[in-house]
Structures are given as structure tokens and as C-alpha cells.
C-alpha atoms as a PDB file:
ATOM      1  CA  UNK A   1     104.633 116.012  81.115  1.00  0.00           C
ATOM      2  CA  UNK A   2     104.327 112.301  80.511  1.00  0.00           C
ATOM      3  CA  UNK A   3     101.732 110.074  82.112  1.00  0.00           C
ATOM      4  CA  UNK A   4     104.588 108.279  83.803  1.00  0.00           C
ATOM      5  CA  UNK A   5     105.688 111.558  85.432  1.00  0.00           C
ATOM      6  CA  UNK A   6     102.101 112.332  86.446  1.00  0.00           C
ATOM      7  CA  UNK A   7     101.845 108.829  87.921  1.00  0.00           C
ATOM      8  CA  UNK A   8     105.042 109.330  89.841  1.00  0.00           C
ATOM      9  CA  UNK A   9     103.934 112.724  91.216  1.00  0.00           C
ATOM     10  CA  UNK A  10     100.491 111.381  91.977  1.00  0.00           C
ATOM     11  CA  UNK A  11     102.078 108.490  93.972  1.00  0.00           C
ATOM     12  CA  UNK A  12     104.287 110.984  95.797  1.00  0.00           C
ATOM     13  CA  UNK A  13     101.247 113.136  96.675  1.00  0.00           C
ATOM     14  CA  UNK A  14      99.411 110.060  97.910  1.00  0.00           C
ATOM     15  CA  UNK A  15     102.381 108.930 100.031  1.00  0.00           C
ATOM     16  CA  UNK A  16     102.652 112.434 101.554  1.00  0.00           C
ATOM     17  CA  UNK A  17      98.902 112.516 102.394  1.00  0.00           C
ATOM     18  CA  UNK A  18      99.184 109.227 104.195  1.00  0.00           C
ATOM     19  CA  UNK A  19     102.452 110.118 105.999  1.00  0.00           C
ATOM     20  CA  UNK A  20     100.854 113.453 107.176  1.00  0.00           C
ATOM     21  CA  UNK A  21      97.875 111.584 108.758  1.00  0.00           C
ATOM     22  CA  UNK A  22      99.431 110.344 111.910  1.00  0.00           C
ATOM     23  CA  UNK A  23      98.188 108.777 115.115  1.00  0.00           C
ATOM     24  CA  UNK A  24      96.895 112.156 116.264  1.00  0.00           C
ATOM     25  CA  UNK A  25      94.409 112.129 113.395  1.00  0.00           C
ATOM     26  CA  UNK A  26      93.059 108.795 114.592  1.00  0.00           C
ATOM     27  CA  UNK A  27      92.716 110.026 118.210  1.00  0.00           C
ATOM     28  CA  UNK A  28      90.943 113.266 117.067  1.00  0.00           C
ATOM     29  CA  UNK A  29      88.530 111.392 114.780  1.00  0.00           C
ATOM     30  CA  UNK A  30      87.901 108.681 117.303  1.00  0.00           C
ATOM     31  CA  UNK A  31      88.199 110.116 120.863  1.00  0.00           C
ATOM     32  CA  UNK A  32      87.727 107.933 123.977  1.00  0.00           C
ATOM     33  CA  UNK A  33      83.891 108.503 124.084  1.00  0.00           C
ATOM     34  CA  UNK A  34      83.518 107.371 120.454  1.00  0.00           C
ATOM     35  CA  UNK A  35      85.713 104.313 121.056  1.00  0.00           C
ATOM     36  CA  UNK A  36      83.672 103.380 124.112  1.00  0.00           C
ATOM     37  CA  UNK A  37      80.428 103.814 122.116  1.00  0.00           C
ATOM     38  CA  UNK A  38      81.853 101.598 119.290  1.00  0.00           C
ATOM     39  CA  UNK A  39      82.767  98.883 121.734  1.00  0.00           C
ATOM     40  CA  UNK A  40      79.351  98.939 123.293  1.00  0.00           C
ATOM     41  CA  UNK A  41      77.653  98.841 119.864  1.00  0.00           C
ATOM     42  CA  UNK A  42      79.747  95.792 118.888  1.00  0.00           C
ATOM     43  CA  UNK A  43      79.013  94.091 122.232  1.00  0.00           C
ATOM     44  CA  UNK A  44      75.309  94.640 121.965  1.00  0.00           C
ATOM     45  CA  UNK A  45      75.213  93.679 118.349  1.00  0.00           C
ATOM     46  CA  UNK A  46      76.943  90.382 118.974  1.00  0.00           C
ATOM     47  CA  UNK A  47      74.165  89.468 121.273  1.00  0.00           C
ATOM     48  CA  UNK A  48      71.743  89.579 118.265  1.00  0.00           C
ATOM     49  CA  UNK A  49      73.840  87.562 115.795  1.00  0.00           C
ATOM     50  CA  UNK A  50      76.566  84.902 115.704  1.00  0.00           C
ATOM     51  CA  UNK A  51      79.205  86.950 113.829  1.00  0.00           C
ATOM     52  CA  UNK A  52      82.299  88.435 115.446  1.00  0.00           C
ATOM     53  CA  UNK A  53      82.859  92.081 114.548  1.00  0.00           C
ATOM     54  CA  UNK A  54      86.192  93.957 114.598  1.00  0.00           C
ATOM     55  CA  UNK A  55      86.728  97.609 113.739  1.00  0.00           C
ATOM     56  CA  UNK A  56      90.194  98.875 112.864  1.00  0.00           C
ATOM     57  CA  UNK A  57      91.114 102.505 112.147  1.00  0.00           C
ATOM     58  CA  UNK A  58      94.338 103.363 110.382  1.00  0.00           C
ATOM     59  CA  UNK A  59      95.248 107.086 110.193  1.00  0.00           C
ATOM     60  CA  UNK A  60      97.372 106.418 107.050  1.00  0.00           C
ATOM     61  CA  UNK A  61      99.494 103.867 105.311  1.00  0.00           C
ATOM     62  CA  UNK A  62     103.266 103.839 105.679  1.00  0.00           C
ATOM     63  CA  UNK A  63     104.980 105.776 102.858  1.00  0.00           C
ATOM     64  CA  UNK A  64     106.148 102.754 100.963  1.00  0.00           C
ATOM     65  CA  UNK A  65     102.646 101.161 100.803  1.00  0.00           C
ATOM     66  CA  UNK A  66     101.006 104.465  99.864  1.00  0.00           C
ATOM     67  CA  UNK A  67     103.601 105.198  97.214  1.00  0.00           C
ATOM     68  CA  UNK A  68     103.238 101.708  95.787  1.00  0.00           C
ATOM     69  CA  UNK A  69      99.387 102.180  95.602  1.00  0.00           C
ATOM     70  CA  UNK A  70      98.470  99.474  98.141  1.00  0.00           C
ATOM     71  CA  UNK A  71      94.720  99.404  97.818  1.00  0.00           C
ATOM     72  CA  UNK A  72      92.311  99.818 100.664  1.00  0.00           C
ATOM     73  CA  UNK A  73      90.936  96.306 100.077  1.00  0.00           C
ATOM     74  CA  UNK A  74      94.354  94.746 100.074  1.00  0.00           C
ATOM     75  CA  UNK A  75      95.213  96.425 103.354  1.00  0.00           C
ATOM     76  CA  UNK A  76      91.909  95.368 104.951  1.00  0.00           C
ATOM     77  CA  UNK A  77      92.567  91.774 103.974  1.00  0.00           C
ATOM     78  CA  UNK A  78      96.045  91.928 105.433  1.00  0.00           C
ATOM     79  CA  UNK A  79      94.651  93.251 108.746  1.00  0.00           C
ATOM     80  CA  UNK A  80      91.865  90.631 108.627  1.00  0.00           C
ATOM     81  CA  UNK A  81      94.580  87.956 108.715  1.00  0.00           C
ATOM     82  CA  UNK A  82      96.964  89.817 111.076  1.00  0.00           C
ATOM     83  CA  UNK A  83      94.298  90.395 113.683  1.00  0.00           C
ATOM     84  CA  UNK A  84      92.881  86.841 113.415  1.00  0.00           C
ATOM     85  CA  UNK A  85      89.430  87.952 112.377  1.00  0.00           C
ATOM     86  CA  UNK A  86      89.276  84.738 110.291  1.00  0.00           C
ATOM     87  CA  UNK A  87      90.035  82.637 113.405  1.00  0.00           C
ATOM     88  CA  UNK A  88      86.533  82.056 114.732  1.00  0.00           C
ATOM     89  CA  UNK A  89      84.757  78.783 115.337  1.00  0.00           C
ATOM     90  CA  UNK A  90      82.070  79.358 112.691  1.00  0.00           C
ATOM     91  CA  UNK A  91      84.218  81.318 110.229  1.00  0.00           C
ATOM     92  CA  UNK A  92      82.044  84.303 111.022  1.00  0.00           C
ATOM     93  CA  UNK A  93      84.495  87.168 111.491  1.00  0.00           C
ATOM     94  CA  UNK A  94      83.694  90.594 110.013  1.00  0.00           C
ATOM     95  CA  UNK A  95      86.268  93.369 109.785  1.00  0.00           C
ATOM     96  CA  UNK A  96      85.434  96.998 109.266  1.00  0.00           C
ATOM     97  CA  UNK A  97      88.596  98.773 108.078  1.00  0.00           C
ATOM     98  CA  UNK A  98      88.724 102.553 108.040  1.00  0.00           C
ATOM     99  CA  UNK A  99      91.615 104.361 106.360  1.00  0.00           C
ATOM    100  CA  UNK A 100      91.461 108.064 107.443  1.00  0.00           C
ATOM    101  CA  UNK A 101      93.976 109.452 104.992  1.00  0.00           C
ATOM    102  CA  UNK A 102      92.047 108.032 102.023  1.00  0.00           C
ATOM    103  CA  UNK A 103      88.642 108.394 103.743  1.00  0.00           C
ATOM    104  CA  UNK A 104      87.892 104.870 102.597  1.00  0.00           C
ATOM    105  CA  UNK A 105      86.092 102.023 104.321  1.00  0.00           C
ATOM    106  CA  UNK A 106      86.203  98.293 103.503  1.00  0.00           C
ATOM    107  CA  UNK A 107      84.397  95.370 105.069  1.00  0.00           C
ATOM    108  CA  UNK A 108      85.952  91.915 104.874  1.00  0.00           C
ATOM    109  CA  UNK A 109      83.814  89.013 105.926  1.00  0.00           C
ATOM    110  CA  UNK A 110      84.917  85.428 106.604  1.00  0.00           C
ATOM    111  CA  UNK A 111      83.570  82.783 104.264  1.00  0.00           C
ATOM    112  CA  UNK A 112      80.571  81.669 106.313  1.00  0.00           C
ATOM    113  CA  UNK A 113      79.129  85.158 106.715  1.00  0.00           C
ATOM    114  CA  UNK A 114      80.414  86.364 103.355  1.00  0.00           C
ATOM    115  CA  UNK A 115      78.279  83.848 101.464  1.00  0.00           C
ATOM    116  CA  UNK A 116      75.114  85.105 103.081  1.00  0.00           C
ATOM    117  CA  UNK A 117      75.434  88.855 102.483  1.00  0.00           C
ATOM    118  CA  UNK A 118      75.505  90.562  99.075  1.00  0.00           C
ATOM    119  CA  UNK A 119      78.279  92.974  98.262  1.00  0.00           C
ATOM    120  CA  UNK A 120      75.688  95.732  97.765  1.00  0.00           C
ATOM    121  CA  UNK A 121      74.586  95.305 101.407  1.00  0.00           C
ATOM    122  CA  UNK A 122      78.163  95.774 102.642  1.00  0.00           C
ATOM    123  CA  UNK A 123      78.510  98.793 100.313  1.00  0.00           C
ATOM    124  CA  UNK A 124      75.543 100.568 101.883  1.00  0.00           C
ATOM    125  CA  UNK A 125      77.206 100.310 105.291  1.00  0.00           C
ATOM    126  CA  UNK A 126      80.539 101.616 103.937  1.00  0.00           C
ATOM    127  CA  UNK A 127      78.743 104.525 102.261  1.00  0.00           C
ATOM    128  CA  UNK A 128      77.087 105.474 105.572  1.00  0.00           C
ATOM    129  CA  UNK A 129      80.520 106.005 106.998  1.00  0.00           C
ATOM    130  CA  UNK A 130      82.274 107.643 104.048  1.00  0.00           C
ATOM    131  CA  UNK A 131      79.445 110.144 103.573  1.00  0.00           C
ATOM    132  CA  UNK A 132      79.642 111.233 107.183  1.00  0.00           C
ATOM    133  CA  UNK A 133      83.469 111.181 107.143  1.00  0.00           C
ATOM    134  CA  UNK A 134      83.468 113.590 104.165  1.00  0.00           C
ATOM    135  CA  UNK A 135      81.564 116.083 106.406  1.00  0.00           C
ATOM    136  CA  UNK A 136      84.122 115.638 109.226  1.00  0.00           C
ATOM    137  CA  UNK A 137      81.792 113.556 111.403  1.00  0.00           C
ATOM    138  CA  UNK A 138      83.167 110.173 112.530  1.00  0.00           C
ATOM    139  CA  UNK A 139      81.091 109.421 115.659  1.00  0.00           C
ATOM    140  CA  UNK A 140      77.525 109.294 114.359  1.00  0.00           C
ATOM    141  CA  UNK A 141      78.225 107.670 110.994  1.00  0.00           C
ATOM    142  CA  UNK A 142      80.321 104.933 112.562  1.00  0.00           C
ATOM    143  CA  UNK A 143      77.621 104.122 115.121  1.00  0.00           C
ATOM    144  CA  UNK A 144      74.913 104.283 112.467  1.00  0.00           C
ATOM    145  CA  UNK A 145      76.935 101.894 110.254  1.00  0.00           C
ATOM    146  CA  UNK A 146      77.443  99.505 113.193  1.00  0.00           C
ATOM    147  CA  UNK A 147      73.646  99.444 113.770  1.00  0.00           C
ATOM    148  CA  UNK A 148      73.086  98.780 110.040  1.00  0.00           C
ATOM    149  CA  UNK A 149      75.731  95.957 110.253  1.00  0.00           C
ATOM    150  CA  UNK A 150      74.237  94.415 113.363  1.00  0.00           C
ATOM    151  CA  UNK A 151      70.778  94.483 111.846  1.00  0.00           C
ATOM    152  CA  UNK A 152      72.089  92.893 108.626  1.00  0.00           C
ATOM    153  CA  UNK A 153      73.965  90.180 110.520  1.00  0.00           C
ATOM    154  CA  UNK A 154      70.995  89.480 112.768  1.00  0.00           C
ATOM    155  CA  UNK A 155      68.832  88.945 109.667  1.00  0.00           C
ATOM    156  CA  UNK A 156      71.282  86.695 107.810  1.00  0.00           C
ATOM    157  CA  UNK A 157      73.131  85.114 110.725  1.00  0.00           C
ATOM    158  CA  UNK A 158      70.863  85.310 113.837  1.00  0.00           C
ATOM    159  CA  UNK A 159      71.979  84.326 117.334  1.00  0.00           C
ATOM    160  CA  UNK A 160      70.957  80.850 118.365  1.00  0.00           C
ATOM    161  CA  UNK A 161      71.828  80.886 122.014  1.00  0.00           C
ATOM    162  CA  UNK A 162      74.768  81.920 124.148  1.00  0.00           C
ATOM    163  CA  UNK A 163      78.202  81.591 122.821  1.00  0.00           C
ATOM    164  CA  UNK A 164      81.677  82.848 123.869  1.00  0.00           C
ATOM    165  CA  UNK A 165      82.996  86.101 122.566  1.00  0.00           C
ATOM    166  CA  UNK A 166      85.903  85.106 120.328  1.00  0.00           C
ATOM    167  CA  UNK A 167      87.327  88.455 119.339  1.00  0.00           C
ATOM    168  CA  UNK A 168      87.854  91.663 121.313  1.00  0.00           C
ATOM    169  CA  UNK A 169      85.065  94.198 120.841  1.00  0.00           C
ATOM    170  CA  UNK A 170      87.158  97.291 121.249  1.00  0.00           C
ATOM    171  CA  UNK A 171      88.165  99.324 118.209  1.00  0.00           C
ATOM    172  CA  UNK A 172      91.861  99.333 117.196  1.00  0.00           C
ATOM    173  CA  UNK A 173      93.565 102.514 116.164  1.00  0.00           C
ATOM    174  CA  UNK A 174      96.841 101.761 114.492  1.00  0.00           C
END
């Protein structure tokens, strides 16, 4: 078997895994009580810092994207743009993107916040989630990661008075 054939079959397997992870997987991993807790954690966190946080869960990529090896980071950046996370007054949007089929998490931060936080700090937050997700737990690791994120943002980008909420605080399940 050639490496080209292995690559083709590997891509087919990846596409199948993403196609098999439908909306039901997102609802099972993130039931209403978890979604409500996420929204509350984002709301309370944004009182401590000036950043705007958005969390998006995608059960799986479409077959074409998965087959063509669209990376998690690429997809996160596309959603960052699509959902207007970049469109905040202080360029302070932060997106947490969760891909359930791949069990991967990426954080994309707008330029103002991104300059203040080291990549290693974002990676610790992502690892909190992926470690819990590997054990089948989505609720506690997500809330723990949001607390870590809010603490990190409060340290690097603290609140300086009241400000309008510029992005919705509810989690999005695609």
C-alpha cells in the first residue's frame, strides 16, 4: 500500500468520523444545564475583564472540509470572523472553539488581547478541556477552563469600569 493510498484512506476515515458526529453529539455533550452554566461563567467573567468571550461547539466538520484536512485552527479563525468576534471596540474578542469529533480546542484572540497573553497560557486552558473531554466529561472541564480564562484575562486585561456587552454570552452549538 502506498503512502498516497494510506493518506486517502486516512482522509476518508477522518471525514466519516466528522460526519458521524452530528448535532445530537453536541446536545449530549453540552445539555441545557451546561449551556446555562457556560453563559453564566462568561457573563461573570466579563465583569472582571474588558475582553469579550465567545464559545462555539461544532460536533464535526462537513465531509468536504474533513476530507480536505481543514485544520482546527483554520476553522476556529473562520468562525472568529463569521461570528464577528473581531468586531469589538477595543479589539478584545476571544473565541474558544471546540471540535467534538476531533476532541480539539483552539482559542483565537483578537490583536489587542492576543499581544498580552502568551501562547503557552492559552494552551493550558485548551489542555484543561481536552483532558476532560478525553474522559467523556464536558461540563466540569469547560467551566474550569472558563474560570482559568477569566482569571488570565482579568490579570492581563482588567476591567476599568462599566462597559456595554458587545457579544452574546451564550454558547453556540453548530
